[in-house]
N, C-alpha and C. Protein backbone atom coordinates (compact mmCIF):
# COMPACT_ATOMS: atom_id res chain seq x y z
N MET A 1 17.24 -0.03 -8.25
CA MET A 1 16.40 1.20 -7.99
C MET A 1 17.19 1.94 -6.84
N THR A 2 17.35 3.26 -6.90
CA THR A 2 17.95 4.07 -5.93
C THR A 2 17.05 4.47 -4.90
N SER A 3 17.56 4.82 -3.67
CA SER A 3 16.79 5.17 -2.59
C SER A 3 16.35 6.72 -2.83
N VAL A 4 15.01 6.96 -2.78
CA VAL A 4 14.46 8.32 -2.85
C VAL A 4 13.60 8.51 -1.57
N ILE A 5 13.93 9.72 -0.82
CA ILE A 5 13.14 10.00 0.38
C ILE A 5 12.46 11.41 0.04
N GLU A 6 11.18 11.45 0.19
CA GLU A 6 10.38 12.68 0.01
C GLU A 6 9.36 12.64 1.08
N ILE A 7 9.03 13.97 1.49
CA ILE A 7 7.76 14.18 2.39
C ILE A 7 6.60 14.69 1.48
N GLY A 8 5.33 14.07 1.83
CA GLY A 8 4.17 14.59 1.11
C GLY A 8 3.19 15.01 2.20
N ARG A 9 2.06 15.38 1.67
CA ARG A 9 0.99 15.87 2.61
C ARG A 9 -0.26 14.96 2.21
N ILE A 10 -1.23 14.85 3.12
CA ILE A 10 -2.42 14.32 2.97
C ILE A 10 -3.53 15.47 2.86
N SER A 11 -4.24 15.38 1.70
CA SER A 11 -5.39 16.46 1.63
C SER A 11 -6.49 16.27 2.52
N SER A 12 -7.36 17.15 2.49
CA SER A 12 -8.63 17.03 3.45
C SER A 12 -9.42 15.85 2.98
N ARG A 13 -9.25 15.47 1.65
CA ARG A 13 -10.01 14.27 1.13
C ARG A 13 -9.24 12.97 1.16
N GLY A 14 -8.16 13.15 2.02
CA GLY A 14 -7.35 11.82 2.17
C GLY A 14 -6.48 11.45 0.95
N GLN A 15 -6.34 12.35 0.10
CA GLN A 15 -5.40 12.12 -1.05
C GLN A 15 -4.03 12.56 -0.78
N VAL A 16 -3.13 11.71 -1.41
CA VAL A 16 -1.64 11.97 -1.26
C VAL A 16 -1.03 12.05 -2.58
N ALA A 17 -0.23 13.03 -2.89
CA ALA A 17 0.30 13.18 -4.14
C ALA A 17 1.67 12.52 -4.12
N ILE A 18 2.00 11.59 -5.03
CA ILE A 18 3.38 11.09 -5.00
C ILE A 18 4.29 12.00 -5.54
N PRO A 19 5.36 12.39 -4.81
CA PRO A 19 6.30 13.24 -5.26
C PRO A 19 6.85 12.86 -6.70
N GLN A 20 7.22 14.00 -7.58
CA GLN A 20 7.61 13.76 -8.88
C GLN A 20 8.81 12.76 -9.06
N ASP A 21 9.86 12.91 -8.17
CA ASP A 21 11.01 12.19 -8.16
C ASP A 21 10.69 10.69 -7.98
N ILE A 22 9.85 10.46 -7.16
CA ILE A 22 9.41 8.92 -6.88
C ILE A 22 8.57 8.46 -7.97
N ARG A 23 7.71 9.19 -8.63
CA ARG A 23 6.90 8.80 -9.69
C ARG A 23 7.75 8.57 -10.89
N GLU A 24 8.82 9.40 -11.13
CA GLU A 24 9.86 9.10 -12.15
C GLU A 24 10.48 7.73 -11.92
N GLU A 25 11.06 7.64 -10.76
CA GLU A 25 11.88 6.48 -10.38
C GLU A 25 11.20 5.20 -10.59
N MET A 26 9.75 5.20 -10.20
CA MET A 26 8.87 4.04 -10.31
C MET A 26 8.29 3.94 -11.74
N GLY A 27 8.47 4.89 -12.55
CA GLY A 27 7.84 4.91 -13.90
C GLY A 27 6.41 4.87 -13.83
N LEU A 28 5.86 5.74 -12.91
CA LEU A 28 4.32 5.80 -12.85
C LEU A 28 3.78 6.92 -13.56
N SER A 29 2.76 6.62 -14.39
CA SER A 29 2.02 7.58 -15.08
C SER A 29 0.60 7.78 -14.61
N PRO A 30 -0.06 8.95 -15.06
CA PRO A 30 -1.41 9.18 -14.60
C PRO A 30 -2.28 7.94 -15.06
N GLY A 31 -3.18 7.52 -14.18
CA GLY A 31 -4.13 6.47 -14.55
C GLY A 31 -3.57 5.08 -14.22
N GLU A 32 -2.29 4.99 -13.97
CA GLU A 32 -1.81 3.59 -13.58
C GLU A 32 -2.32 3.13 -12.17
N LYS A 33 -2.40 1.74 -12.07
CA LYS A 33 -2.88 1.28 -10.76
C LYS A 33 -1.69 0.98 -9.85
N VAL A 34 -1.99 1.19 -8.49
CA VAL A 34 -1.09 0.81 -7.48
C VAL A 34 -1.73 -0.01 -6.39
N LEU A 35 -1.09 -0.75 -5.69
CA LEU A 35 -1.55 -1.55 -4.59
C LEU A 35 -1.04 -0.92 -3.30
N PHE A 36 -1.89 -0.76 -2.35
CA PHE A 36 -1.53 -0.33 -1.00
C PHE A 36 -1.56 -1.48 -0.01
N ILE A 37 -0.52 -1.78 0.71
CA ILE A 37 -0.43 -2.76 1.74
C ILE A 37 -0.05 -1.99 3.16
N LEU A 38 -0.86 -2.07 4.12
CA LEU A 38 -0.61 -1.55 5.36
C LEU A 38 -0.20 -2.54 6.39
N GLU A 39 1.02 -2.44 6.94
CA GLU A 39 1.42 -3.35 8.01
C GLU A 39 1.97 -2.51 9.20
N ASP A 40 1.38 -2.63 10.29
CA ASP A 40 1.73 -1.88 11.51
C ASP A 40 1.59 -0.34 11.07
N ASP A 41 2.64 0.37 11.10
CA ASP A 41 2.58 1.80 10.78
C ASP A 41 3.30 2.08 9.57
N SER A 42 3.53 1.17 8.70
CA SER A 42 4.22 1.22 7.33
C SER A 42 3.22 1.08 6.22
N LEU A 43 3.24 1.81 5.24
CA LEU A 43 2.41 1.68 4.01
C LEU A 43 3.32 1.41 2.89
N LEU A 44 3.07 0.19 2.17
CA LEU A 44 3.84 -0.19 1.01
C LEU A 44 3.02 0.16 -0.25
N LEU A 45 3.55 0.75 -1.14
CA LEU A 45 2.93 1.07 -2.34
C LEU A 45 3.66 0.31 -3.48
N ILE A 46 2.78 -0.48 -4.36
CA ILE A 46 3.44 -1.43 -5.34
C ILE A 46 2.76 -1.04 -6.59
N LYS A 47 3.65 -0.85 -7.64
CA LYS A 47 3.12 -0.62 -9.09
C LYS A 47 2.50 -1.96 -9.61
N VAL A 48 1.28 -1.85 -9.78
CA VAL A 48 0.46 -3.06 -10.20
C VAL A 48 0.90 -3.56 -11.65
N SER A 49 1.01 -2.66 -12.63
CA SER A 49 1.13 -2.96 -14.04
C SER A 49 2.28 -3.95 -14.31
N SER A 50 3.29 -3.83 -13.56
CA SER A 50 4.51 -4.65 -13.87
C SER A 50 4.46 -5.98 -13.02
N LEU A 51 3.50 -6.20 -12.30
CA LEU A 51 3.43 -7.43 -11.52
C LEU A 51 2.33 -8.45 -11.88
N SER A 52 2.56 -9.68 -11.78
CA SER A 52 1.52 -10.77 -12.01
C SER A 52 0.60 -10.71 -10.75
N TRP A 53 -0.56 -11.22 -10.75
CA TRP A 53 -1.56 -11.39 -9.81
C TRP A 53 -0.88 -12.07 -8.56
N ASP A 54 -0.18 -13.05 -8.86
CA ASP A 54 0.44 -13.84 -7.68
C ASP A 54 1.51 -13.02 -7.00
N GLU A 55 2.20 -12.09 -7.73
CA GLU A 55 3.17 -11.37 -7.16
C GLU A 55 2.46 -10.29 -6.32
N ILE A 56 1.30 -9.76 -6.82
CA ILE A 56 0.69 -8.61 -6.08
C ILE A 56 0.05 -9.23 -4.82
N THR A 57 -0.57 -10.33 -4.85
CA THR A 57 -1.30 -10.82 -3.74
C THR A 57 -0.34 -11.61 -2.69
N LYS A 58 0.87 -11.94 -3.06
CA LYS A 58 1.73 -12.55 -2.09
C LYS A 58 1.80 -11.94 -0.62
N PRO A 59 2.01 -10.53 -0.63
CA PRO A 59 2.11 -9.99 0.74
C PRO A 59 0.83 -10.21 1.53
N LEU A 60 -0.35 -10.22 0.83
CA LEU A 60 -1.71 -10.45 1.40
C LEU A 60 -1.85 -11.85 1.84
N ARG A 61 -1.36 -12.79 1.15
CA ARG A 61 -1.39 -14.21 1.50
C ARG A 61 -0.46 -14.41 2.65
N GLU A 62 0.68 -13.74 2.85
CA GLU A 62 1.61 -13.79 3.82
C GLU A 62 0.99 -13.25 5.10
N ALA A 63 0.36 -12.04 5.00
CA ALA A 63 -0.15 -11.37 6.15
C ALA A 63 -1.35 -12.29 6.73
N LYS A 64 -2.05 -12.86 5.80
CA LYS A 64 -3.15 -13.72 6.29
C LYS A 64 -2.65 -14.82 7.26
N LYS A 65 -1.50 -15.31 6.94
CA LYS A 65 -0.92 -16.41 7.87
C LYS A 65 -0.56 -15.90 9.21
N LYS A 66 -0.44 -14.57 9.38
CA LYS A 66 -0.08 -13.98 10.58
C LYS A 66 -1.08 -13.59 11.63
N ILE A 67 -2.41 -13.73 11.12
CA ILE A 67 -3.48 -13.21 11.93
C ILE A 67 -4.58 -14.43 11.90
N SER A 68 -5.21 -14.51 13.15
CA SER A 68 -6.21 -15.48 13.32
C SER A 68 -7.50 -14.81 12.94
N LYS A 69 -8.52 -15.75 12.78
CA LYS A 69 -9.86 -15.30 12.41
C LYS A 69 -10.44 -14.43 13.62
N GLU A 70 -10.10 -14.92 14.89
CA GLU A 70 -10.58 -14.14 16.05
C GLU A 70 -9.88 -12.75 15.99
N GLU A 71 -8.66 -12.63 15.77
CA GLU A 71 -7.97 -11.32 15.60
C GLU A 71 -8.65 -10.38 14.69
N VAL A 72 -9.00 -11.08 13.44
CA VAL A 72 -9.86 -10.22 12.48
C VAL A 72 -11.04 -9.79 13.06
N ASP A 73 -11.84 -10.55 13.71
CA ASP A 73 -13.13 -10.22 14.24
C ASP A 73 -13.01 -9.19 15.27
N ASP A 74 -12.06 -9.27 16.14
CA ASP A 74 -11.72 -8.30 17.10
C ASP A 74 -11.36 -6.84 16.48
N LEU A 75 -10.62 -6.92 15.40
CA LEU A 75 -10.34 -5.69 14.72
C LEU A 75 -11.48 -5.09 14.09
N VAL A 76 -12.36 -5.85 13.51
CA VAL A 76 -13.54 -5.26 12.86
C VAL A 76 -14.34 -4.70 13.89
N HIS A 77 -14.68 -5.35 15.01
CA HIS A 77 -15.53 -4.87 16.12
C HIS A 77 -14.91 -3.53 16.67
N LYS A 78 -13.65 -3.46 16.80
CA LYS A 78 -12.92 -2.30 17.33
C LYS A 78 -13.06 -1.16 16.36
N ASP A 79 -12.97 -1.49 14.95
CA ASP A 79 -13.01 -0.30 14.17
C ASP A 79 -14.40 0.20 14.01
N ARG A 80 -15.45 -0.63 14.05
CA ARG A 80 -16.77 -0.18 14.06
C ARG A 80 -17.29 0.59 15.20
N LYS A 81 -16.56 0.59 16.33
CA LYS A 81 -16.81 1.55 17.53
C LYS A 81 -16.41 2.81 17.23
């Protein structure tokens, strides 16, 4: 896959349009599912249809190893404020 860099905008409803060049490069069509993974200030978008459940959830399992239950509790309380 080649590198494609594009800038998008977030709508007032929090929606982001994936630029056409990126949709074409990833083979994304309307109605397809994607997985969003947020790590620090980076957002990873993964096309779901071409991955197995184990591949999709691997980053989530790895992230789980990096954070303790206490840290999760702290984050939940912080977000609720």
